[in-house]
Amino acid sequence: MGEGGAGPVRREKASDGRTVGGGQWESALSEEENAILDMEERWWAHGRRKADAIATLGMSQTRYYLALNRILMDPRSRMERPELVGRLIRLRERRIGERGGK
């Protein structure tokens, strides 16, 4: 059932993987999770250091990276933003390998 019990809400995939229903974007991810993924997708294009871009979200770097790792482990993020999340996971695994991790 959709919100308010009025029946199912029709959802279609948009080009960026988010679902569309009732003329509005609907996302299984929170606003903060989407903001983090949006920032990961575009921070470098603004000509600033990543630490400065993270600060614009009102987060410490530690909190940001903990949230990002949680997002990357969440299957909902892979469903909504498969290309971005896949790329970020590959980068994370490569960096772990370079440091001699798992």
C-alpha atoms as a PDB file:
ATOM      1  CA  MET A   1       0.000   0.000   0.000  1.00  0.00           C
ATOM      2  CA  GLY A   2       1.123   3.541  -0.647  1.00  0.00           C
ATOM      3  CA  GLU A   3       1.154   6.271   1.892  1.00  0.00           C
ATOM      4  CA  GLY A   4      -2.188   6.865   3.544  1.00  0.00           C
ATOM      5  CA  GLY A   5      -3.438   3.432   2.463  1.00  0.00           C
ATOM      6  CA  ALA A   6      -4.628   4.779  -0.901  1.00  0.00           C
ATOM      7  CA  GLY A   7      -3.146   1.880  -2.828  1.00  0.00           C
ATOM      8  CA  PRO A   8       0.247   1.121  -4.243  1.00  0.00           C
ATOM      9  CA  VAL A   9       2.449   3.984  -5.370  1.00  0.00           C
ATOM     10  CA  ARG A  10       3.774   3.445  -8.869  1.00  0.00           C
ATOM     11  CA  ARG A  11       7.535   3.815  -8.908  1.00  0.00           C
ATOM     12  CA  GLU A  12       9.731   3.967 -11.966  1.00  0.00           C
ATOM     13  CA  LYS A  13      13.479   4.123 -12.216  1.00  0.00           C
ATOM     14  CA  ALA A  14      14.950   7.454 -13.235  1.00  0.00           C
ATOM     15  CA  SER A  15      18.169   7.727 -15.229  1.00  0.00           C
ATOM     16  CA  ASP A  16      20.247   8.136 -12.044  1.00  0.00           C
ATOM     17  CA  GLY A  17      18.639   5.062 -10.452  1.00  0.00           C
ATOM     18  CA  ARG A  18      16.323   6.886  -8.061  1.00  0.00           C
ATOM     19  CA  THR A  19      12.671   5.989  -8.166  1.00  0.00           C
ATOM     20  CA  VAL A  20       9.979   8.340  -9.341  1.00  0.00           C
ATOM     21  CA  GLY A  21       6.410   8.278  -8.049  1.00  0.00           C
ATOM     22  CA  GLY A  22       3.673  10.876  -8.126  1.00  0.00           C
ATOM     23  CA  GLY A  23       5.884  13.365  -9.958  1.00  0.00           C
ATOM     24  CA  GLN A  24       8.452  13.522  -7.133  1.00  0.00           C
ATOM     25  CA  TRP A  25      11.741  11.768  -6.549  1.00  0.00           C
ATOM     26  CA  GLU A  26      11.391   9.008  -4.017  1.00  0.00           C
ATOM     27  CA  SER A  27      14.482   7.477  -2.524  1.00  0.00           C
ATOM     28  CA  ALA A  28      14.997   4.600  -0.150  1.00  0.00           C
ATOM     29  CA  LEU A  29      18.019   6.520   1.143  1.00  0.00           C
ATOM     30  CA  SER A  30      17.828   9.367   3.611  1.00  0.00           C
ATOM     31  CA  GLU A  31      18.467  12.979   2.656  1.00  0.00           C
ATOM     32  CA  GLU A  32      21.858  12.809   4.382  1.00  0.00           C
ATOM     33  CA  GLU A  33      22.793   9.593   2.560  1.00  0.00           C
ATOM     34  CA  ASN A  34      21.874  11.126  -0.791  1.00  0.00           C
ATOM     35  CA  ALA A  35      23.831  14.296   0.066  1.00  0.00           C
ATOM     36  CA  ILE A  36      26.919  12.205   0.803  1.00  0.00           C
ATOM     37  CA  LEU A  37      26.603  10.293  -2.466  1.00  0.00           C
ATOM     38  CA  ASP A  38      25.985  13.527  -4.368  1.00  0.00           C
ATOM     39  CA  MET A  39      29.108  15.014  -2.800  1.00  0.00           C
ATOM     40  CA  GLU A  40      31.187  11.947  -3.689  1.00  0.00           C
ATOM     41  CA  GLU A  41      29.982  12.290  -7.258  1.00  0.00           C
ATOM     42  CA  ARG A  42      30.862  15.977  -7.657  1.00  0.00           C
ATOM     43  CA  TRP A  43      33.175  17.374  -4.949  1.00  0.00           C
ATOM     44  CA  TRP A  44      36.209  17.552  -7.245  1.00  0.00           C
ATOM     45  CA  ALA A  45      34.375  19.643  -9.848  1.00  0.00           C
ATOM     46  CA  HIS A  46      34.085  22.573  -7.430  1.00  0.00           C
ATOM     47  CA  GLY A  47      37.843  23.159  -7.237  1.00  0.00           C
ATOM     48  CA  ARG A  48      38.172  22.654  -3.511  1.00  0.00           C
ATOM     49  CA  ARG A  49      39.814  20.183  -1.200  1.00  0.00           C
ATOM     50  CA  LYS A  50      37.676  17.222  -0.221  1.00  0.00           C
ATOM     51  CA  ALA A  51      37.971  18.161   3.461  1.00  0.00           C
ATOM     52  CA  ASP A  52      36.462  21.566   2.645  1.00  0.00           C
ATOM     53  CA  ALA A  53      33.654  19.929   0.654  1.00  0.00           C
ATOM     54  CA  ILE A  54      32.903  17.597   3.580  1.00  0.00           C
ATOM     55  CA  ALA A  55      32.743  20.592   5.925  1.00  0.00           C
ATOM     56  CA  THR A  56      29.950  22.086   3.790  1.00  0.00           C
ATOM     57  CA  LEU A  57      27.807  19.128   4.880  1.00  0.00           C
ATOM     58  CA  GLY A  58      28.316  20.098   8.532  1.00  0.00           C
ATOM     59  CA  MET A  59      30.127  16.858   9.357  1.00  0.00           C
ATOM     60  CA  SER A  60      33.511  15.961  10.711  1.00  0.00           C
ATOM     61  CA  GLN A  61      35.643  13.894   8.375  1.00  0.00           C
ATOM     62  CA  THR A  62      35.386  10.932  10.735  1.00  0.00           C
ATOM     63  CA  ARG A  63      31.587  11.043  10.781  1.00  0.00           C
ATOM     64  CA  TYR A  64      31.505  11.513   6.993  1.00  0.00           C
ATOM     65  CA  TYR A  65      33.675   8.487   6.234  1.00  0.00           C
ATOM     66  CA  LEU A  66      31.841   6.295   8.755  1.00  0.00           C
ATOM     67  CA  ALA A  67      28.551   7.273   7.089  1.00  0.00           C
ATOM     68  CA  LEU A  68      29.994   6.719   3.608  1.00  0.00           C
ATOM     69  CA  ASN A  69      31.179   3.219   4.502  1.00  0.00           C
ATOM     70  CA  ARG A  70      27.766   2.410   5.986  1.00  0.00           C
ATOM     71  CA  ILE A  71      26.120   3.654   2.770  1.00  0.00           C
ATOM     72  CA  LEU A  72      28.439   1.540   0.611  1.00  0.00           C
ATOM     73  CA  MET A  73      27.482  -1.557   2.585  1.00  0.00           C
ATOM     74  CA  ASP A  74      23.744  -0.838   2.250  1.00  0.00           C
ATOM     75  CA  PRO A  75      22.164  -2.739  -0.678  1.00  0.00           C
ATOM     76  CA  ARG A  76      19.658   0.100  -1.183  1.00  0.00           C
ATOM     77  CA  SER A  77      22.452   2.428  -2.263  1.00  0.00           C
ATOM     78  CA  ARG A  78      23.697  -0.128  -4.805  1.00  0.00           C
ATOM     79  CA  MET A  79      20.167  -0.370  -6.219  1.00  0.00           C
ATOM     80  CA  GLU A  80      19.684   3.396  -6.472  1.00  0.00           C
ATOM     81  CA  ARG A  81      23.128   4.534  -7.607  1.00  0.00           C
ATOM     82  CA  PRO A  82      24.803   1.377  -8.986  1.00  0.00           C
ATOM     83  CA  GLU A  83      27.559   3.015 -11.044  1.00  0.00           C
ATOM     84  CA  LEU A  84      28.659   5.463  -8.367  1.00  0.00           C
ATOM     85  CA  VAL A  85      28.485   2.961  -5.508  1.00  0.00           C
ATOM     86  CA  GLY A  86      30.300   0.310  -7.546  1.00  0.00           C
ATOM     87  CA  ARG A  87      33.080   2.764  -8.382  1.00  0.00           C
ATOM     88  CA  LEU A  88      33.415   3.869  -4.753  1.00  0.00           C
ATOM     89  CA  ILE A  89      33.579   0.256  -3.552  1.00  0.00           C
ATOM     90  CA  ARG A  90      36.287  -0.540  -6.131  1.00  0.00           C
ATOM     91  CA  LEU A  91      38.295   2.516  -5.028  1.00  0.00           C
ATOM     92  CA  ARG A  92      37.948   1.561  -1.373  1.00  0.00           C
ATOM     93  CA  GLU A  93      39.070  -2.024  -2.056  1.00  0.00           C
ATOM     94  CA  ARG A  94      42.045  -0.828  -4.101  1.00  0.00           C
ATOM     95  CA  ARG A  95      43.141   1.521  -1.301  1.00  0.00           C
ATOM     96  CA  ILE A  96      42.821  -1.263   1.269  1.00  0.00           C
ATOM     97  CA  GLY A  97      44.946  -3.494  -0.951  1.00  0.00           C
ATOM     98  CA  GLU A  98      47.583  -0.769  -1.350  1.00  0.00           C
ATOM     99  CA  ARG A  99      47.844  -0.467   2.427  1.00  0.00           C
ATOM    100  CA  GLY A 100      48.296  -4.214   2.754  1.00  0.00           C
ATOM    101  CA  GLY A 101      44.850  -4.726   4.279  1.00  0.00           C
ATOM    102  CA  LYS A 102      42.421  -7.565   3.735  1.00  0.00           C
END
